[in-house]
Amino acid sequence: MSMATKNTQDMTRAVGRRKEAAARVRITPGKGEIIVNGKEFKTYFTTLILQNIVSSPLEVTGKLKDLDVSVKVAGGGSRGQAEAVRHGISRALVEWNADLKPALKAEGFMTRDARTKERKKPGLLKARRGRQWKKR
């Protein structure tokens, strides 16, 4: 079987984004493994908070032990990457089974968080920070 004719019937793909981070997520039926950039997700996301963020869509839908998740994530920081993975997993779950959407939407996992860094303006030091005024 060649790579081009690989069976994709039971596989679902989705992309999740947050700030500068983008996560490409693949979901397949399995025993509950989450692999991020070739590592187990608990070694990639070291803190418990980030681990909970990543696994939360699977916990909400009750699919934590039923599906294998493979993720490639790039850009941004660790928190942004974790939230991008969460967004991607949520989107993939809805594509896999549309009945899961209300539960995920109620938790706020389906919404792309559009807050990003504001651009720097000319004449200022940062986006809003001006020069310090000195009277004497």
Protein backbone atom coordinates (compact mmCIF):
# COMPACT_ATOMS: atom_id res chain seq x y z
CA MET A 1 0.00 0.00 0.00
CA SER A 2 1.57 3.27 -1.09
CA MET A 3 1.53 6.51 0.88
CA ALA A 4 -0.92 8.19 -1.51
CA THR A 5 -3.59 5.48 -1.15
CA LYS A 6 -3.44 5.29 2.63
CA ASN A 7 -6.82 4.53 4.23
CA THR A 8 -8.10 7.84 5.62
CA GLN A 9 -11.66 6.70 6.28
CA ASP A 10 -11.23 6.58 10.06
CA MET A 11 -8.86 9.56 10.28
CA THR A 12 -9.90 13.18 10.76
CA ARG A 13 -7.71 16.25 10.36
CA ALA A 14 -8.11 19.82 11.59
CA VAL A 15 -6.05 22.93 12.26
CA GLY A 16 -6.15 24.90 15.51
CA ARG A 17 -4.63 28.34 15.99
CA ARG A 18 -3.88 30.74 18.84
CA LYS A 19 -1.71 33.88 18.66
CA GLU A 20 1.33 32.82 16.56
CA ALA A 21 0.87 29.08 17.18
CA ALA A 22 -0.67 26.69 14.65
CA ALA A 23 -1.44 23.04 15.42
CA ARG A 24 -2.16 20.39 12.76
CA VAL A 25 -4.20 17.66 14.44
CA ARG A 26 -4.96 14.09 13.29
CA ILE A 27 -7.50 11.93 15.13
CA THR A 28 -7.72 8.15 14.69
CA PRO A 29 -9.56 5.47 16.68
CA GLY A 30 -7.17 3.99 19.23
CA LYS A 31 -6.42 3.71 22.93
CA GLY A 32 -6.03 7.33 24.00
CA GLU A 33 -2.46 8.35 23.08
CA ILE A 34 -1.73 12.02 22.49
CA ILE A 35 1.52 12.62 20.57
CA VAL A 36 2.76 16.20 20.10
CA ASN A 37 5.71 16.77 17.72
CA GLY A 38 6.78 13.13 18.08
CA LYS A 39 6.75 13.19 21.91
CA GLU A 40 4.16 12.07 24.46
CA PHE A 41 2.13 15.18 25.33
CA LYS A 42 3.07 15.03 29.02
CA THR A 43 6.76 15.36 28.13
CA TYR A 44 6.11 18.13 25.56
CA PHE A 45 3.80 20.16 27.85
CA THR A 46 5.52 19.81 31.22
CA THR A 47 3.10 21.72 33.48
CA LEU A 48 -0.19 20.23 34.66
CA ILE A 49 -2.15 23.31 33.52
CA LEU A 50 -0.98 22.94 29.91
CA GLN A 51 -1.63 19.17 30.00
CA ASN A 52 -5.19 19.82 31.21
CA ILE A 53 -5.72 22.40 28.44
CA VAL A 54 -4.63 19.88 25.78
CA SER A 55 -6.72 16.96 27.06
CA SER A 56 -9.83 18.98 28.03
CA PRO A 57 -11.81 18.55 24.74
CA LEU A 58 -11.39 14.77 24.97
CA GLU A 59 -12.45 14.78 28.64
CA VAL A 60 -15.54 16.91 27.94
CA THR A 61 -16.68 14.57 25.17
CA GLY A 62 -15.65 11.40 27.05
CA LYS A 63 -13.34 10.23 24.24
CA LEU A 64 -10.08 10.30 26.23
CA LYS A 65 -9.56 6.50 26.03
CA ASP A 66 -11.12 5.95 22.58
CA LEU A 67 -9.07 8.15 20.22
CA ASP A 68 -5.40 8.57 19.34
CA VAL A 69 -4.35 12.15 18.65
CA SER A 70 -1.28 13.10 16.63
CA VAL A 71 -0.29 16.78 16.58
CA LYS A 72 2.32 18.89 14.84
CA VAL A 73 2.49 22.33 16.42
CA ALA A 74 4.76 25.27 15.59
CA GLY A 75 5.14 28.93 16.51
CA GLY A 76 4.31 30.93 19.60
CA GLY A 77 4.95 30.03 23.22
CA SER A 78 3.98 27.00 25.27
CA ARG A 79 0.60 28.38 26.39
CA GLY A 80 -0.35 29.49 22.88
CA GLN A 81 0.68 26.10 21.51
CA ALA A 82 -1.39 24.27 24.14
CA GLU A 83 -4.47 26.35 23.32
CA ALA A 84 -3.88 25.87 19.58
CA VAL A 85 -3.78 22.10 20.15
CA ARG A 86 -7.01 22.31 22.16
CA HIS A 87 -8.68 24.26 19.34
CA GLY A 88 -7.45 21.76 16.74
CA ILE A 89 -8.60 18.72 18.73
CA SER A 90 -12.04 20.33 19.22
CA ARG A 91 -12.39 21.04 15.50
CA ALA A 92 -11.29 17.52 14.58
CA LEU A 93 -13.77 16.00 17.05
CA VAL A 94 -16.64 18.00 15.52
CA GLU A 95 -15.57 16.95 12.00
CA TRP A 96 -15.40 13.34 13.24
CA ASN A 97 -18.80 13.49 14.97
CA ALA A 98 -21.01 16.61 14.68
CA ASP A 99 -23.06 15.58 17.74
CA LEU A 100 -20.15 16.62 19.98
CA LYS A 101 -20.31 20.29 18.92
CA PRO A 102 -22.79 21.61 21.56
CA ALA A 103 -20.70 20.27 24.45
CA LEU A 104 -17.46 21.71 23.04
CA LYS A 105 -19.07 25.03 22.14
CA ALA A 106 -20.49 25.38 25.67
CA GLU A 107 -16.94 25.05 27.05
CA GLY A 108 -15.68 27.67 24.57
CA PHE A 109 -13.30 25.31 22.74
CA MET A 110 -14.73 25.93 19.25
CA THR A 111 -14.02 29.66 19.23
CA ARG A 112 -10.74 30.87 17.76
CA ASP A 113 -9.30 33.32 20.31
CA ALA A 114 -8.56 36.29 18.04
CA ARG A 115 -6.51 38.26 20.58
CA THR A 116 -3.02 38.81 19.22
CA LYS A 117 -0.17 41.19 19.87
CA GLU A 118 -0.95 44.75 18.79
CA ARG A 119 1.38 46.21 16.18
CA LYS A 120 3.96 48.85 17.06
CA LYS A 121 3.01 52.38 15.96
CA PRO A 122 5.49 54.90 14.52
CA GLY A 123 6.72 57.49 17.01
CA LEU A 124 6.06 55.20 19.97
CA LEU A 125 8.36 52.76 21.76
CA LYS A 126 5.85 49.88 21.70
CA ALA A 127 2.23 49.55 20.58
CA ARG A 128 1.00 52.16 23.07
CA ARG A 129 4.03 53.04 25.19
CA GLY A 130 5.21 56.55 24.43
CA ARG A 131 8.38 58.33 25.48
CA GLN A 132 8.70 59.38 29.10
CA TRP A 133 7.96 63.08 29.60
CA LYS A 134 10.48 65.00 31.68
CA LYS A 135 9.75 68.53 32.87
CA ARG A 136 13.23 69.39 34.23
